[in-house]
Amino acid sequence: MQRLGKAWSLVLDQSGNEITPLVHGGILFVHSGASLTAVDAASGTPLWKYQRKSRALPARHGSSTQAGGRA
């Protein structure tokens, strides 16, 4: 135990969530914020990163009970 030390670290996108990474076949998959990153679990080398594009939601006018813009 005395010889244990940090092997590598990875800076993640800012996120308000606590995340649990998934490991499969030596690849670490970690989701943070709007991105998903695949990392070589042994070396810490990032393999790829998917960044979700931000979608602006249309403004809502009225409530869902209105039909044709009339109450």
PDB file of N, CA and C in Angstrom:
ATOM      1  N   MET A   1       0.813  -1.189   0.000  1.00  0.00           N
ATOM      2  CA  MET A   1       0.000   0.000   0.000  1.00  0.00           C
ATOM      3  C   MET A   1       0.864   1.263   0.000  1.00  0.00           C
ATOM      4  N   GLN A   2       2.060   1.186   0.472  1.00  0.00           N
ATOM      5  CA  GLN A   2       2.909   2.377   0.548  1.00  0.00           C
ATOM      6  C   GLN A   2       3.350   2.849  -0.832  1.00  0.00           C
ATOM      7  N   ARG A   3       3.312   1.952  -1.814  1.00  0.00           N
ATOM      8  CA  ARG A   3       3.779   2.312  -3.149  1.00  0.00           C
ATOM      9  C   ARG A   3       2.650   2.800  -4.057  1.00  0.00           C
ATOM     10  N   LEU A   4       1.435   2.835  -3.551  1.00  0.00           N
ATOM     11  CA  LEU A   4       0.319   3.301  -4.372  1.00  0.00           C
ATOM     12  C   LEU A   4       0.431   4.794  -4.644  1.00  0.00           C
ATOM     13  N   GLY A   5       0.081   5.167  -5.837  1.00  0.00           N
ATOM     14  CA  GLY A   5       0.089   6.586  -6.203  1.00  0.00           C
ATOM     15  C   GLY A   5      -0.866   6.820  -7.348  1.00  0.00           C
ATOM     16  N   LYS A   6      -1.064   8.064  -7.687  1.00  0.00           N
ATOM     17  CA  LYS A   6      -1.969   8.425  -8.775  1.00  0.00           C
ATOM     18  C   LYS A   6      -1.342   8.009 -10.102  1.00  0.00           C
ATOM     19  N   ALA A   7      -2.089   7.244 -10.894  1.00  0.00           N
ATOM     20  CA  ALA A   7      -1.612   6.811 -12.203  1.00  0.00           C
ATOM     21  C   ALA A   7      -1.921   7.862 -13.269  1.00  0.00           C
ATOM     22  N   TRP A   8      -3.116   8.437 -13.201  1.00  0.00           N
ATOM     23  CA  TRP A   8      -3.509   9.475 -14.151  1.00  0.00           C
ATOM     24  C   TRP A   8      -4.757  10.173 -13.636  1.00  0.00           C
ATOM     25  N   SER A   9      -5.073  11.311 -14.211  1.00  0.00           N
ATOM     26  CA  SER A   9      -6.292  12.040 -13.858  1.00  0.00           C
ATOM     27  C   SER A   9      -6.880  12.630 -15.128  1.00  0.00           C
ATOM     28  N   LEU A  10      -8.144  13.001 -15.040  1.00  0.00           N
ATOM     29  CA  LEU A  10      -8.853  13.525 -16.201  1.00  0.00           C
ATOM     30  C   LEU A  10      -9.727  14.689 -15.757  1.00  0.00           C
ATOM     31  N   VAL A  11      -9.625  15.794 -16.446  1.00  0.00           N
ATOM     32  CA  VAL A  11     -10.467  16.953 -16.161  1.00  0.00           C
ATOM     33  C   VAL A  11     -11.770  16.773 -16.933  1.00  0.00           C
ATOM     34  N   LEU A  12     -12.891  16.856 -16.221  1.00  0.00           N
ATOM     35  CA  LEU A  12     -14.206  16.679 -16.837  1.00  0.00           C
ATOM     36  C   LEU A  12     -14.915  18.012 -16.995  1.00  0.00           C
ATOM     37  N   ASP A  13     -15.890  18.036 -17.911  1.00  0.00           N
ATOM     38  CA  ASP A  13     -16.729  19.216 -18.069  1.00  0.00           C
ATOM     39  C   ASP A  13     -17.499  19.458 -16.774  1.00  0.00           C
ATOM     40  N   GLN A  14     -17.777  20.709 -16.495  1.00  0.00           N
ATOM     41  CA  GLN A  14     -18.512  21.064 -15.287  1.00  0.00           C
ATOM     42  C   GLN A  14     -19.897  20.439 -15.324  1.00  0.00           C
ATOM     43  N   SER A  15     -20.310  19.884 -14.185  1.00  0.00           N
ATOM     44  CA  SER A  15     -21.598  19.224 -14.104  1.00  0.00           C
ATOM     45  C   SER A  15     -22.106  19.289 -12.677  1.00  0.00           C
ATOM     46  N   GLY A  16     -23.405  19.347 -12.525  1.00  0.00           N
ATOM     47  CA  GLY A  16     -24.007  19.356 -11.202  1.00  0.00           C
ATOM     48  C   GLY A  16     -24.320  17.955 -10.713  1.00  0.00           C
ATOM     49  N   ASN A  17     -23.962  16.941 -11.489  1.00  0.00           N
ATOM     50  CA  ASN A  17     -24.287  15.562 -11.153  1.00  0.00           C
ATOM     51  C   ASN A  17     -23.066  14.819 -10.622  1.00  0.00           C
ATOM     52  N   GLU A  18     -23.309  13.870  -9.725  1.00  0.00           N
ATOM     53  CA  GLU A  18     -22.277  12.912  -9.369  1.00  0.00           C
ATOM     54  C   GLU A  18     -22.398  11.794 -10.386  1.00  0.00           C
ATOM     55  N   ILE A  19     -21.290  11.391 -10.962  1.00  0.00           N
ATOM     56  CA  ILE A  19     -21.343  10.431 -12.049  1.00  0.00           C
ATOM     57  C   ILE A  19     -20.639   9.137 -11.668  1.00  0.00           C
ATOM     58  N   THR A  20     -21.144   8.034 -12.173  1.00  0.00           N
ATOM     59  CA  THR A  20     -20.520   6.734 -11.995  1.00  0.00           C
ATOM     60  C   THR A  20     -20.034   6.285 -13.357  1.00  0.00           C
ATOM     61  N   PRO A  21     -18.729   6.130 -13.531  1.00  0.00           N
ATOM     62  CA  PRO A  21     -18.227   5.714 -14.843  1.00  0.00           C
ATOM     63  C   PRO A  21     -18.539   4.243 -15.111  1.00  0.00           C
ATOM     64  N   LEU A  22     -18.528   3.888 -16.377  1.00  0.00           N
ATOM     65  CA  LEU A  22     -18.738   2.525 -16.831  1.00  0.00           C
ATOM     66  C   LEU A  22     -17.438   2.053 -17.464  1.00  0.00           C
ATOM     67  N   VAL A  23     -17.007   0.837 -17.122  1.00  0.00           N
ATOM     68  CA  VAL A  23     -15.795   0.286 -17.721  1.00  0.00           C
ATOM     69  C   VAL A  23     -16.172  -0.977 -18.485  1.00  0.00           C
ATOM     70  N   HIS A  24     -15.733  -1.038 -19.741  1.00  0.00           N
ATOM     71  CA  HIS A  24     -15.985  -2.216 -20.571  1.00  0.00           C
ATOM     72  C   HIS A  24     -14.779  -2.431 -21.484  1.00  0.00           C
ATOM     73  N   GLY A  25     -14.197  -3.619 -21.425  1.00  0.00           N
ATOM     74  CA  GLY A  25     -13.076  -3.938 -22.309  1.00  0.00           C
ATOM     75  C   GLY A  25     -11.891  -3.017 -22.148  1.00  0.00           C
ATOM     76  N   GLY A  26     -11.644  -2.555 -20.937  1.00  0.00           N
ATOM     77  CA  GLY A  26     -10.508  -1.672 -20.692  1.00  0.00           C
ATOM     78  C   GLY A  26     -10.746  -0.223 -21.066  1.00  0.00           C
ATOM     79  N   ILE A  27     -11.968   0.099 -21.455  1.00  0.00           N
ATOM     80  CA  ILE A  27     -12.323   1.479 -21.813  1.00  0.00           C
ATOM     81  C   ILE A  27     -13.232   2.037 -20.724  1.00  0.00           C
ATOM     82  N   LEU A  28     -12.894   3.205 -20.233  1.00  0.00           N
ATOM     83  CA  LEU A  28     -13.685   3.908 -19.228  1.00  0.00           C
ATOM     84  C   LEU A  28     -14.563   4.917 -19.955  1.00  0.00           C
ATOM     85  N   PHE A  29     -15.875   4.829 -19.739  1.00  0.00           N
ATOM     86  CA  PHE A  29     -16.834   5.770 -20.328  1.00  0.00           C
ATOM     87  C   PHE A  29     -17.362   6.635 -19.203  1.00  0.00           C
ATOM     88  N   VAL A  30     -17.222   7.950 -19.347  1.00  0.00           N
ATOM     89  CA  VAL A  30     -17.665   8.851 -18.291  1.00  0.00           C
ATOM     90  C   VAL A  30     -18.495   9.986 -18.891  1.00  0.00           C
ATOM     91  N   HIS A  31     -19.654  10.228 -18.271  1.00  0.00           N
ATOM     92  CA  HIS A  31     -20.582  11.277 -18.712  1.00  0.00           C
ATOM     93  C   HIS A  31     -20.486  12.437 -17.736  1.00  0.00           C
ATOM     94  N   SER A  32     -20.356  13.632 -18.248  1.00  0.00           N
ATOM     95  CA  SER A  32     -20.304  14.817 -17.399  1.00  0.00           C
ATOM     96  C   SER A  32     -20.825  16.007 -18.193  1.00  0.00           C
ATOM     97  N   GLY A  33     -21.779  16.722 -17.615  1.00  0.00           N
ATOM     98  CA  GLY A  33     -22.360  17.862 -18.320  1.00  0.00           C
ATOM     99  C   GLY A  33     -23.038  17.400 -19.588  1.00  0.00           C
ATOM    100  N   ALA A  34     -22.649  17.953 -20.715  1.00  0.00           N
ATOM    101  CA  ALA A  34     -23.238  17.599 -22.005  1.00  0.00           C
ATOM    102  C   ALA A  34     -22.291  16.749 -22.838  1.00  0.00           C
ATOM    103  N   SER A  35     -21.338  16.055 -22.185  1.00  0.00           N
ATOM    104  CA  SER A  35     -20.371  15.282 -22.956  1.00  0.00           C
ATOM    105  C   SER A  35     -20.214  13.863 -22.417  1.00  0.00           C
ATOM    106  N   LEU A  36     -19.783  12.981 -23.305  1.00  0.00           N
ATOM    107  CA  LEU A  36     -19.444  11.611 -22.983  1.00  0.00           C
ATOM    108  C   LEU A  36     -18.034  11.380 -23.491  1.00  0.00           C
ATOM    109  N   THR A  37     -17.148  10.897 -22.624  1.00  0.00           N
ATOM    110  CA  THR A  37     -15.754  10.705 -22.981  1.00  0.00           C
ATOM    111  C   THR A  37     -15.374   9.249 -22.788  1.00  0.00           C
ATOM    112  N   ALA A  38     -14.640   8.690 -23.757  1.00  0.00           N
ATOM    113  CA  ALA A  38     -14.089   7.343 -23.659  1.00  0.00           C
ATOM    114  C   ALA A  38     -12.588   7.479 -23.405  1.00  0.00           C
ATOM    115  N   VAL A  39     -12.098   6.745 -22.401  1.00  0.00           N
ATOM    116  CA  VAL A  39     -10.708   6.869 -21.971  1.00  0.00           C
ATOM    117  C   VAL A  39     -10.102   5.481 -21.839  1.00  0.00           C
ATOM    118  N   ASP A  40      -8.860   5.306 -22.287  1.00  0.00           N
ATOM    119  CA  ASP A  40      -8.137   4.063 -22.030  1.00  0.00           C
ATOM    120  C   ASP A  40      -7.924   3.970 -20.526  1.00  0.00           C
ATOM    121  N   ALA A  41      -8.524   2.970 -19.886  1.00  0.00           N
ATOM    122  CA  ALA A  41      -8.515   2.890 -18.424  1.00  0.00           C
ATOM    123  C   ALA A  41      -7.106   2.677 -17.861  1.00  0.00           C
ATOM    124  N   ALA A  42      -6.221   2.038 -18.594  1.00  0.00           N
ATOM    125  CA  ALA A  42      -4.876   1.777 -18.096  1.00  0.00           C
ATOM    126  C   ALA A  42      -3.973   3.007 -18.168  1.00  0.00           C
ATOM    127  N   SER A  43      -4.063   3.740 -19.281  1.00  0.00           N
ATOM    128  CA  SER A  43      -3.136   4.859 -19.486  1.00  0.00           C
ATOM    129  C   SER A  43      -3.746   6.227 -19.206  1.00  0.00           C
ATOM    130  N   GLY A  44      -5.087   6.323 -19.241  1.00  0.00           N
ATOM    131  CA  GLY A  44      -5.743   7.613 -19.073  1.00  0.00           C
ATOM    132  C   GLY A  44      -5.809   8.423 -20.352  1.00  0.00           C
ATOM    133  N   THR A  45      -5.426   7.818 -21.466  1.00  0.00           N
ATOM    134  CA  THR A  45      -5.439   8.517 -22.743  1.00  0.00           C
ATOM    135  C   THR A  45      -6.877   8.652 -23.262  1.00  0.00           C
ATOM    136  N   PRO A  46      -7.352   9.877 -23.487  1.00  0.00           N
ATOM    137  CA  PRO A  46      -8.693  10.046 -24.055  1.00  0.00           C
ATOM    138  C   PRO A  46      -8.738   9.461 -25.467  1.00  0.00           C
ATOM    139  N   LEU A  47      -9.772   8.670 -25.753  1.00  0.00           N
ATOM    140  CA  LEU A  47      -9.926   8.044 -27.061  1.00  0.00           C
ATOM    141  C   LEU A  47     -10.872   8.834 -27.949  1.00  0.00           C
ATOM    142  N   TRP A  48     -11.977   9.296 -27.390  1.00  0.00           N
ATOM    143  CA  TRP A  48     -12.909  10.147 -28.113  1.00  0.00           C
ATOM    144  C   TRP A  48     -13.805  10.863 -27.119  1.00  0.00           C
ATOM    145  N   LYS A  49     -14.438  11.924 -27.627  1.00  0.00           N
ATOM    146  CA  LYS A  49     -15.355  12.703 -26.802  1.00  0.00           C
ATOM    147  C   LYS A  49     -16.542  13.110 -27.661  1.00  0.00           C
ATOM    148  N   TYR A  50     -17.751  12.851 -27.161  1.00  0.00           N
ATOM    149  CA  TYR A  50     -18.977  13.285 -27.824  1.00  0.00           C
ATOM    150  C   TYR A  50     -19.533  14.464 -27.043  1.00  0.00           C
ATOM    151  N   GLN A  51     -19.741  15.574 -27.716  1.00  0.00           N
ATOM    152  CA  GLN A  51     -20.284  16.784 -27.104  1.00  0.00           C
ATOM    153  C   GLN A  51     -21.674  17.016 -27.658  1.00  0.00           C
ATOM    154  N   ARG A  52     -22.705  16.895 -26.806  1.00  0.00           N
ATOM    155  CA  ARG A  52     -24.080  17.129 -27.243  1.00  0.00           C
ATOM    156  C   ARG A  52     -24.252  18.606 -27.592  1.00  0.00           C
ATOM    157  N   LYS A  53     -24.880  18.866 -28.705  1.00  0.00           N
ATOM    158  CA  LYS A  53     -25.141  20.248 -29.114  1.00  0.00           C
ATOM    159  C   LYS A  53     -26.295  20.792 -28.299  1.00  0.00           C
ATOM    160  N   SER A  54     -26.177  22.040 -27.922  1.00  0.00           N
ATOM    161  CA  SER A  54     -27.234  22.700 -27.170  1.00  0.00           C
ATOM    162  C   SER A  54     -28.380  23.008 -28.118  1.00  0.00           C
ATOM    163  N   ARG A  55     -29.582  22.665 -27.673  1.00  0.00           N
ATOM    164  CA  ARG A  55     -30.761  22.973 -28.482  1.00  0.00           C
ATOM    165  C   ARG A  55     -31.583  24.019 -27.753  1.00  0.00           C
ATOM    166  N   ALA A  56     -31.826  25.119 -28.420  1.00  0.00           N
ATOM    167  CA  ALA A  56     -32.673  26.153 -27.830  1.00  0.00           C
ATOM    168  C   ALA A  56     -34.118  25.686 -27.933  1.00  0.00           C
ATOM    169  N   LEU A  57     -34.813  25.719 -26.837  1.00  0.00           N
ATOM    170  CA  LEU A  57     -36.210  25.321 -26.830  1.00  0.00           C
ATOM    171  C   LEU A  57     -37.074  26.487 -27.280  1.00  0.00           C
ATOM    172  N   PRO A  58     -38.113  26.226 -28.067  1.00  0.00           N
ATOM    173  CA  PRO A  58     -38.989  27.327 -28.496  1.00  0.00           C
ATOM    174  C   PRO A  58     -39.735  27.901 -27.294  1.00  0.00           C
ATOM    175  N   ALA A  59     -40.013  29.177 -27.375  1.00  0.00           N
ATOM    176  CA  ALA A  59     -40.753  29.833 -26.288  1.00  0.00           C
ATOM    177  C   ALA A  59     -42.159  29.271 -26.238  1.00  0.00           C
ATOM    178  N   ARG A  60     -42.665  29.062 -25.031  1.00  0.00           N
ATOM    179  CA  ARG A  60     -44.032  28.562 -24.871  1.00  0.00           C
ATOM    180  C   ARG A  60     -44.959  29.737 -24.628  1.00  0.00           C
ATOM    181  N   HIS A  61     -46.042  29.747 -25.357  1.00  0.00           N
ATOM    182  CA  HIS A  61     -47.053  30.798 -25.200  1.00  0.00           C
ATOM    183  C   HIS A  61     -48.342  30.135 -24.746  1.00  0.00           C
ATOM    184  N   GLY A  62     -48.867  30.549 -23.630  1.00  0.00           N
ATOM    185  CA  GLY A  62     -50.103  29.976 -23.122  1.00  0.00           C
ATOM    186  C   GLY A  62     -49.849  28.630 -22.464  1.00  0.00           C
ATOM    187  N   SER A  63     -50.916  27.908 -22.232  1.00  0.00           N
ATOM    188  CA  SER A  63     -50.781  26.593 -21.613  1.00  0.00           C
ATOM    189  C   SER A  63     -51.202  25.522 -22.599  1.00  0.00           C
ATOM    190  N   SER A  64     -50.982  24.273 -22.220  1.00  0.00           N
ATOM    191  CA  SER A  64     -51.321  23.165 -23.122  1.00  0.00           C
ATOM    192  C   SER A  64     -52.831  22.972 -23.244  1.00  0.00           C
ATOM    193  N   THR A  65     -53.612  23.674 -22.451  1.00  0.00           N
ATOM    194  CA  THR A  65     -55.074  23.525 -22.534  1.00  0.00           C
ATOM    195  C   THR A  65     -55.663  24.443 -23.594  1.00  0.00           C
ATOM    196  N   GLN A  66     -54.857  25.328 -24.158  1.00  0.00           N
ATOM    197  CA  GLN A  66     -55.372  26.235 -25.175  1.00  0.00           C
ATOM    198  C   GLN A  66     -55.374  25.530 -26.535  1.00  0.00           C
ATOM    199  N   ALA A  67     -56.337  25.848 -27.358  1.00  0.00           N
ATOM    200  CA  ALA A  67     -56.409  25.306 -28.704  1.00  0.00           C
ATOM    201  C   ALA A  67     -56.468  26.453 -29.685  1.00  0.00           C
ATOM    202  N   GLY A  68     -55.586  26.426 -30.644  1.00  0.00           N
ATOM    203  CA  GLY A  68     -55.598  27.478 -31.657  1.00  0.00           C
ATOM    204  C   GLY A  68     -55.322  28.852 -31.099  1.00  0.00           C
ATOM    205  N   GLY A  69     -54.631  28.938 -29.998  1.00  0.00           N
ATOM    206  CA  GLY A  69     -54.272  30.209 -29.414  1.00  0.00           C
ATOM    207  C   GLY A  69     -55.391  30.834 -28.585  1.00  0.00           C
ATOM    208  N   ARG A  70     -56.524  30.122 -28.432  1.00  0.00           N
ATOM    209  CA  ARG A  70     -57.655  30.654 -27.659  1.00  0.00           C
ATOM    210  C   ARG A  70     -57.922  29.758 -26.459  1.00  0.00           C
ATOM    211  N   ALA A  71     -58.385  30.332 -25.389  1.00  0.00           N
ATOM    212  CA  ALA A  71     -58.715  29.557 -24.194  1.00  0.00           C
ATOM    213  C   ALA A  71     -60.042  28.877 -24.340  1.00  0.00           C
TER     214      ALA A  71
END
